[in-house]
Protein backbone atom coordinates (compact mmCIF):
# COMPACT_ATOMS: atom_id res chain seq x y z
CA UNK A 1 -23.05 62.01 1.85
CA UNK A 2 -20.67 61.02 4.63
CA UNK A 3 -17.99 58.40 4.12
CA UNK A 4 -16.34 56.14 6.65
CA UNK A 5 -12.91 57.67 7.25
CA UNK A 6 -11.68 54.39 8.77
CA UNK A 7 -12.31 52.42 5.57
CA UNK A 8 -9.17 51.79 3.50
CA UNK A 9 -8.90 53.63 0.24
CA UNK A 10 -10.44 51.80 -2.70
CA UNK A 11 -12.23 49.22 -0.55
CA UNK A 12 -15.64 50.27 -1.87
CA UNK A 13 -14.75 49.22 -5.38
CA UNK A 14 -16.56 46.01 -6.46
CA UNK A 15 -13.37 44.89 -8.19
CA UNK A 16 -11.77 44.41 -4.81
CA UNK A 17 -14.19 41.58 -4.09
CA UNK A 18 -13.56 39.73 -7.34
CA UNK A 19 -10.64 37.45 -8.01
CA UNK A 20 -8.65 37.84 -11.23
CA UNK A 21 -9.86 35.93 -14.26
CA UNK A 22 -6.80 33.67 -14.23
CA UNK A 23 -7.46 32.59 -10.64
CA UNK A 24 -11.11 31.85 -11.34
CA UNK A 25 -10.21 29.89 -14.49
CA UNK A 26 -7.63 27.83 -12.63
CA UNK A 27 -10.10 27.13 -9.81
CA UNK A 28 -12.70 25.95 -12.32
CA UNK A 29 -10.22 23.70 -14.09
CA UNK A 30 -9.02 22.20 -10.81
CA UNK A 31 -12.60 21.58 -9.69
CA UNK A 32 -13.47 20.03 -13.05
CA UNK A 33 -10.42 17.76 -12.95
CA UNK A 34 -11.28 16.55 -9.45
CA UNK A 35 -14.90 15.90 -10.40
CA UNK A 36 -13.77 14.09 -13.56
CA UNK A 37 -11.63 11.67 -11.53
CA UNK A 38 -14.58 11.04 -9.20
CA UNK A 39 -16.91 10.39 -12.12
CA UNK A 40 -14.45 7.99 -13.71
CA UNK A 41 -14.12 6.03 -10.46
CA UNK A 42 -17.89 5.86 -10.09
CA UNK A 43 -18.30 4.65 -13.69
CA UNK A 44 -15.61 1.99 -13.16
CA UNK A 45 -17.34 0.78 -10.02
CA UNK A 46 -20.77 0.67 -11.73
CA UNK A 47 -19.55 -1.12 -14.86
CA UNK A 48 -17.50 -3.77 -13.01
CA UNK A 49 -20.32 -4.35 -10.50
CA UNK A 50 -22.80 -4.86 -13.34
CA UNK A 51 -20.52 -7.39 -14.99
CA UNK A 52 -20.05 -9.20 -11.66
CA UNK A 53 -23.75 -9.13 -10.69
CA UNK A 54 -24.34 -12.72 -11.81
CA UNK A 55 -21.62 -13.93 -9.38
CA UNK A 56 -23.01 -11.93 -6.48
CA UNK A 57 -26.55 -13.17 -7.14
CA UNK A 58 -25.53 -16.80 -7.72
CA UNK A 59 -23.18 -17.14 -4.76
CA UNK A 60 -24.48 -14.60 -2.26
CA UNK A 61 -22.51 -14.82 0.97
CA UNK A 62 -20.85 -17.97 -0.40
CA UNK A 63 -18.34 -15.65 -2.08
CA UNK A 64 -16.63 -15.58 1.33
CA UNK A 65 -16.19 -19.35 1.43
CA UNK A 66 -13.10 -21.35 0.51
CA UNK A 67 -14.44 -23.29 -2.42
CA UNK A 68 -13.01 -22.35 -5.82
CA UNK A 69 -13.94 -24.96 -8.43
CA UNK A 70 -14.81 -23.53 -11.87
CA UNK A 71 -15.69 -26.99 -13.19
CA UNK A 72 -18.42 -27.26 -10.55
CA UNK A 73 -19.46 -23.59 -10.81
CA UNK A 74 -18.30 -22.89 -7.26
CA UNK A 75 -16.53 -19.63 -6.81
CA UNK A 76 -15.69 -18.87 -3.19
CA UNK A 77 -13.05 -16.15 -2.98
CA UNK A 78 -11.95 -16.46 0.65
CA UNK A 79 -8.60 -18.08 -0.17
CA UNK A 80 -7.71 -15.23 -2.53
CA UNK A 81 -8.78 -12.57 -0.01
CA UNK A 82 -6.62 -14.30 2.58
CA UNK A 83 -3.65 -14.48 0.21
CA UNK A 84 -3.95 -10.77 -0.62
CA UNK A 85 -4.16 -9.83 3.04
CA UNK A 86 -1.28 -12.06 4.29
CA UNK A 87 1.16 -11.03 1.55
CA UNK A 88 0.36 -7.34 2.10
CA UNK A 89 0.89 -7.68 5.85
CA UNK A 90 4.22 -9.45 5.29
CA UNK A 91 5.27 -6.67 2.93
CA UNK A 92 4.40 -3.99 5.47
CA UNK A 93 6.16 -5.73 8.36
CA UNK A 94 9.36 -5.92 6.30
CA UNK A 95 9.19 -2.64 4.41
CA UNK A 96 7.95 -0.09 6.96
CA UNK A 97 10.86 -0.27 9.48
CA UNK A 98 13.40 -0.28 6.66
CA UNK A 99 11.70 2.62 4.84
CA UNK A 100 11.33 4.83 7.88
CA UNK A 101 14.90 4.01 8.95
CA UNK A 102 16.28 4.97 5.54
CA UNK A 103 14.20 8.17 5.52
CA UNK A 104 15.56 9.16 8.95
CA UNK A 105 19.10 8.24 7.87
CA UNK A 106 18.89 10.47 4.79
CA UNK A 107 17.31 13.45 6.55
CA UNK A 108 18.84 13.41 10.02
CA UNK A 109 22.14 11.50 9.94
CA UNK A 110 24.18 11.53 6.75
CA UNK A 111 25.27 14.76 5.06
CA UNK A 112 23.37 15.79 1.98
CA UNK A 113 26.29 15.16 -0.39
CA UNK A 114 26.51 11.55 0.86
CA UNK A 115 22.77 10.96 0.98
CA UNK A 116 21.97 12.24 -2.49
CA UNK A 117 23.32 9.17 -4.32
CA UNK A 118 21.20 6.96 -2.04
CA UNK A 119 18.16 9.06 -2.94
CA UNK A 120 18.90 8.53 -6.65
CA UNK A 121 19.10 4.76 -6.16
CA UNK A 122 15.83 4.67 -4.21
CA UNK A 123 14.08 6.72 -6.88
CA UNK A 124 15.36 4.35 -9.58
CA UNK A 125 14.09 1.33 -7.64
CA UNK A 126 10.64 2.89 -7.50
CA UNK A 127 10.35 2.83 -11.33
CA UNK A 128 11.50 -0.78 -11.89
CA UNK A 129 8.61 -2.56 -13.73
CA UNK A 130 6.72 -5.09 -11.65
CA UNK A 131 7.31 -7.83 -14.23
CA UNK A 132 11.07 -7.42 -13.70
CA UNK A 133 10.60 -7.88 -9.95
CA UNK A 134 8.44 -10.94 -10.62
CA UNK A 135 10.88 -12.56 -13.03
CA UNK A 136 13.80 -11.93 -10.69
CA UNK A 137 11.77 -13.36 -7.84
CA UNK A 138 10.75 -16.59 -9.54
CA UNK A 139 14.04 -17.21 -11.40
CA UNK A 140 16.61 -16.09 -8.82
CA UNK A 141 15.10 -15.43 -5.39
CA UNK A 142 12.65 -18.33 -5.08
CA UNK A 143 15.15 -21.13 -5.85
CA UNK A 144 17.66 -19.59 -3.46
CA UNK A 145 15.09 -19.18 -0.71
CA UNK A 146 13.74 -22.71 -0.96
CA UNK A 147 16.80 -24.18 0.78
CA UNK A 148 16.65 -21.48 3.43
CA UNK A 149 12.94 -22.20 3.99
CA UNK A 150 13.69 -25.91 4.41
CA UNK A 151 16.40 -25.18 7.00
CA UNK A 152 14.12 -22.84 8.94
CA UNK A 153 11.25 -25.32 8.81
CA UNK A 154 13.39 -28.11 10.21
CA UNK A 155 14.77 -25.77 12.89
CA UNK A 156 11.38 -24.65 14.25
CA UNK A 157 9.75 -28.08 14.07
CA UNK A 158 7.81 -28.75 17.25
CA UNK A 159 8.08 -25.15 18.55
CA UNK A 160 4.63 -23.66 19.23
CA UNK A 161 3.54 -20.77 16.98
CA UNK A 162 6.82 -20.76 15.02
CA UNK A 163 6.10 -24.22 13.66
CA UNK A 164 2.66 -23.07 12.51
CA UNK A 165 4.13 -20.03 10.78
CA UNK A 166 7.51 -21.14 9.43
CA UNK A 167 7.30 -24.94 9.62
CA UNK A 168 6.49 -27.38 6.86
CA UNK A 169 2.88 -27.91 5.85
CA UNK A 170 0.93 -31.12 6.38
CA UNK A 171 2.43 -32.50 3.17
CA UNK A 172 5.91 -31.96 4.65
CA UNK A 173 7.15 -29.65 1.90
CA UNK A 174 8.07 -26.00 1.56
CA UNK A 175 8.31 -24.04 -1.65
CA UNK A 176 10.31 -21.10 -2.91
CA UNK A 177 7.14 -19.78 -4.57
CA UNK A 178 5.07 -19.01 -1.49
CA UNK A 179 3.20 -16.48 0.59
CA UNK A 180 6.42 -15.26 2.18
CA UNK A 181 8.27 -14.88 -1.12
CA UNK A 182 5.40 -12.88 -2.54
CA UNK A 183 5.37 -10.68 0.55
CA UNK A 184 9.12 -10.21 0.27
CA UNK A 185 8.89 -9.14 -3.37
CA UNK A 186 6.07 -6.75 -2.51
CA UNK A 187 8.24 -5.36 0.30
CA UNK A 188 11.02 -4.65 -2.24
CA UNK A 189 8.49 -2.90 -4.44
CA UNK A 190 6.86 -0.64 -1.83
CA UNK A 191 10.03 0.26 0.09
CA UNK A 192 11.13 2.96 -2.39
CA UNK A 193 7.63 4.50 -2.37
CA UNK A 194 7.29 4.59 1.40
CA UNK A 195 10.88 5.77 1.79
CA UNK A 196 10.53 8.65 -0.68
CA UNK A 197 7.27 9.90 0.78
CA UNK A 198 8.48 9.57 4.37
CA UNK A 199 11.70 11.36 3.55
CA UNK A 200 9.83 14.30 2.01
CA UNK A 201 7.55 14.54 5.06
CA UNK A 202 10.37 14.29 7.60
CA UNK A 203 12.38 16.92 5.72
CA UNK A 204 9.62 19.48 6.36
CA UNK A 205 10.28 19.46 10.13
CA UNK A 206 11.19 23.05 11.09
CA UNK A 207 14.88 23.45 11.78
CA UNK A 208 14.18 25.76 14.69
CA UNK A 209 12.26 22.96 16.46
CA UNK A 210 15.19 20.58 16.08
CA UNK A 211 17.70 23.16 17.20
CA UNK A 212 15.50 23.94 20.19
CA UNK A 213 15.53 20.29 21.20
CA UNK A 214 19.33 20.19 20.95
CA UNK A 215 19.54 23.42 22.97
CA UNK A 216 17.60 21.72 25.78
CA UNK A 217 20.19 18.94 25.88
CA UNK A 218 18.38 16.30 23.85
CA UNK A 219 20.34 13.62 22.06
CA UNK A 220 19.74 12.98 18.37
CA UNK A 221 17.42 10.07 19.19
CA UNK A 222 15.52 12.16 21.74
CA UNK A 223 15.21 14.97 19.19
CA UNK A 224 13.78 12.59 16.60
CA UNK A 225 11.32 11.12 19.09
CA UNK A 226 10.25 14.45 20.55
CA UNK A 227 10.33 16.74 17.51
CA UNK A 228 10.64 14.98 14.15
CA UNK A 229 8.25 12.07 14.76
CA UNK A 230 5.32 14.14 16.18
CA UNK A 231 5.60 16.52 13.24
CA UNK A 232 5.89 13.77 10.61
CA UNK A 233 3.72 11.02 12.06
CA UNK A 234 0.62 11.74 10.04
CA UNK A 235 2.51 11.93 6.76
CA UNK A 236 4.43 8.74 7.45
CA UNK A 237 1.18 6.93 8.25
CA UNK A 238 -0.22 8.13 4.96
CA UNK A 239 2.88 6.91 3.13
CA UNK A 240 2.58 3.49 4.79
CA UNK A 241 -1.08 3.13 3.85
CA UNK A 242 -0.29 4.19 0.29
CA UNK A 243 2.31 1.44 0.21
CA UNK A 244 -0.34 -0.98 1.52
CA UNK A 245 -2.63 -0.04 -1.32
CA UNK A 246 0.17 -0.70 -3.83
CA UNK A 247 0.91 -4.07 -2.22
CA UNK A 248 -2.74 -5.16 -2.28
CA UNK A 249 -3.19 -4.27 -5.96
CA UNK A 250 0.10 -5.61 -7.32
CA UNK A 251 -0.62 -8.24 -9.99
CA UNK A 252 2.20 -9.55 -12.19
CA UNK A 253 4.94 -9.81 -9.56
CA UNK A 254 2.62 -11.52 -7.09
CA UNK A 255 1.24 -13.87 -9.76
CA UNK A 256 4.74 -15.06 -10.65
CA UNK A 257 6.04 -15.78 -7.15
CA UNK A 258 3.06 -16.69 -4.98
CA UNK A 259 2.68 -20.24 -6.27
CA UNK A 260 -0.97 -20.30 -7.53
CA UNK A 261 -2.51 -22.53 -4.87
CA UNK A 262 -5.93 -21.55 -3.48
CA UNK A 263 -5.40 -22.57 0.16
CA UNK A 264 -5.86 -20.97 3.55
CA UNK A 265 -3.04 -21.93 5.88
CA UNK A 266 -0.94 -20.40 8.62
CA UNK A 267 2.23 -21.78 7.01
CA UNK A 268 4.00 -18.98 5.14
CA UNK A 269 6.48 -21.11 3.21
CA UNK A 270 3.84 -22.85 1.05
CA UNK A 271 2.25 -21.75 -2.22
CA UNK A 272 -0.82 -19.51 -2.09
CA UNK A 273 -2.90 -17.18 -4.26
CA UNK A 274 -4.13 -13.59 -4.22
CA UNK A 275 -6.99 -11.72 -5.88
CA UNK A 276 -4.91 -9.79 -8.45
CA UNK A 277 -2.95 -12.95 -9.28
CA UNK A 278 -6.00 -15.14 -9.94
CA UNK A 279 -7.59 -12.43 -12.07
CA UNK A 280 -4.47 -12.17 -14.22
CA UNK A 281 -3.92 -15.92 -14.51
CA UNK A 282 -7.47 -17.11 -15.19
CA UNK A 283 -9.30 -14.25 -16.88
CA UNK A 284 -8.32 -15.30 -20.42
CA UNK A 285 -9.96 -18.75 -20.08
CA UNK A 286 -13.07 -17.62 -18.20
CA UNK A 287 -16.65 -17.10 -19.36
CA UNK A 288 -20.12 -16.75 -17.86
CA UNK A 289 -20.27 -16.88 -14.07
CA UNK A 290 -16.54 -17.72 -13.98
CA UNK A 291 -15.70 -14.40 -15.61
CA UNK A 292 -18.25 -12.63 -13.39
CA UNK A 293 -16.50 -14.12 -10.34
CA UNK A 294 -13.16 -12.72 -11.47
CA UNK A 295 -14.77 -9.33 -12.13
CA UNK A 296 -16.37 -9.55 -8.69
CA UNK A 297 -12.98 -10.04 -7.07
CA UNK A 298 -11.89 -6.87 -8.82
CA UNK A 299 -14.89 -5.12 -7.27
CA UNK A 300 -13.95 -6.48 -3.83
CA UNK A 301 -10.37 -5.33 -4.29
CA UNK A 302 -11.63 -1.89 -5.31
CA UNK A 303 -13.87 -1.76 -2.21
CA UNK A 304 -11.02 -2.85 0.07
CA UNK A 305 -8.81 -0.11 -1.41
CA UNK A 306 -11.47 2.51 -0.77
CA UNK A 307 -11.87 1.30 2.83
CA UNK A 308 -8.10 1.52 3.34
CA UNK A 309 -8.05 5.05 1.93
CA UNK A 310 -10.89 6.11 4.26
CA UNK A 311 -9.07 4.59 7.23
CA UNK A 312 -5.84 6.31 6.13
CA UNK A 313 -7.62 9.66 5.93
CA UNK A 314 -9.06 9.17 9.42
CA UNK A 315 -5.72 8.10 10.87
CA UNK A 316 -3.85 11.03 9.27
CA UNK A 317 -6.45 13.52 10.52
CA UNK A 318 -6.32 12.06 14.01
CA UNK A 319 -2.52 12.12 14.05
CA UNK A 320 -2.51 15.72 12.77
CA UNK A 321 -4.95 16.81 15.50
CA UNK A 322 -2.89 15.02 18.14
CA UNK A 323 0.33 16.66 16.93
CA UNK A 324 -1.37 20.07 17.20
CA UNK A 325 -2.40 19.28 20.75
CA UNK A 326 -6.16 19.22 20.02
C-alpha cells in the first residue's frame, strides 16, 4: 500500500485530531459556566416578570404615564424612568471626558513611576461602597451645593435654555438634593471604572505604531488622534457603556441624594426620583399591585440594561470593523 510522502510524520494518527483531556475539560467547564449565567438571568427575568404581571395587566400602557399615587392605585412610572435617564446622562457628560483624559494622562504623558500612585488612588475609589458616596453626598456635598445652585439660578434667570436647565423651578426654589447632585455623585462613582478600563485598553496600543507616528513628524496630540484613539476606540466605548449601566442601576447613593420627588422637569437643580431609588425607598411598605409595580420597574430596568448592552456590543463591533478598515 502506497503512502503519501508529502504527509508529515505521525499525521495519520487519530490522536493528532483529539485535544488533550485537560483542554476538553476546561472547555466544558467554561461552556457550562456561561450557560449557567444565562440560565440564571432568564430565571430572574421570568420570576420578576411573573411577580409584576398584575401591574402590567392593570396599567397596560399607563405604566408610561406620570401618575404615581399608591393611595389611588395609580402607578405610572414615567417620572422614575425620566429620573434614571437624566441622572445617568449627567453622570456620563461629567465622567467620560475626565476618565478618558486621566487614562491618556497615565498611559501617554506621565512616566510610569509618577502615574502608578494615581492608578492606586483610582483603584481605591472604585471600591468605595455606594452608601459612603450617598452619605457624603447628602451630608456634605448637597448642603454646600445648594448655595451654588441658588447663585447659578439667579445668574441665568431670563436666559433662554439655561434658565430652563439651571434656573429655579416654578416654585422659585432650588435644592441641594436634586437631579444634578445625583448625577454628580454617579459621575464620581463611575469615573474610576471608566478610567481603569480605558487605561487598560489604551495601554494595548502597539508601541511600534506610536513610534511610527512620531517618525513621520506627528506631535503627541496627532499621535494620539491618529494611532491611539483608532486602536482604542471600541474598548473605550465599551467602558463608557459599562459605566452607563452602573449609573442606571445604582440604588443607595441615588436614593440618598436625588430628593425623592416624582416629577418630570427640565430644571436640574430640583428634587427628582429614579427607578432604583423608588424601589429601595418604598418596597418595604408595598403590597399587592403596589409591590407588583415596584417589581415591574425592576423588570423595566433589567430590560433597559439589556438594550444598552446590545447597543454597546453593536457599537464596539462597528468601531472595531472601522478601525480595521472594513
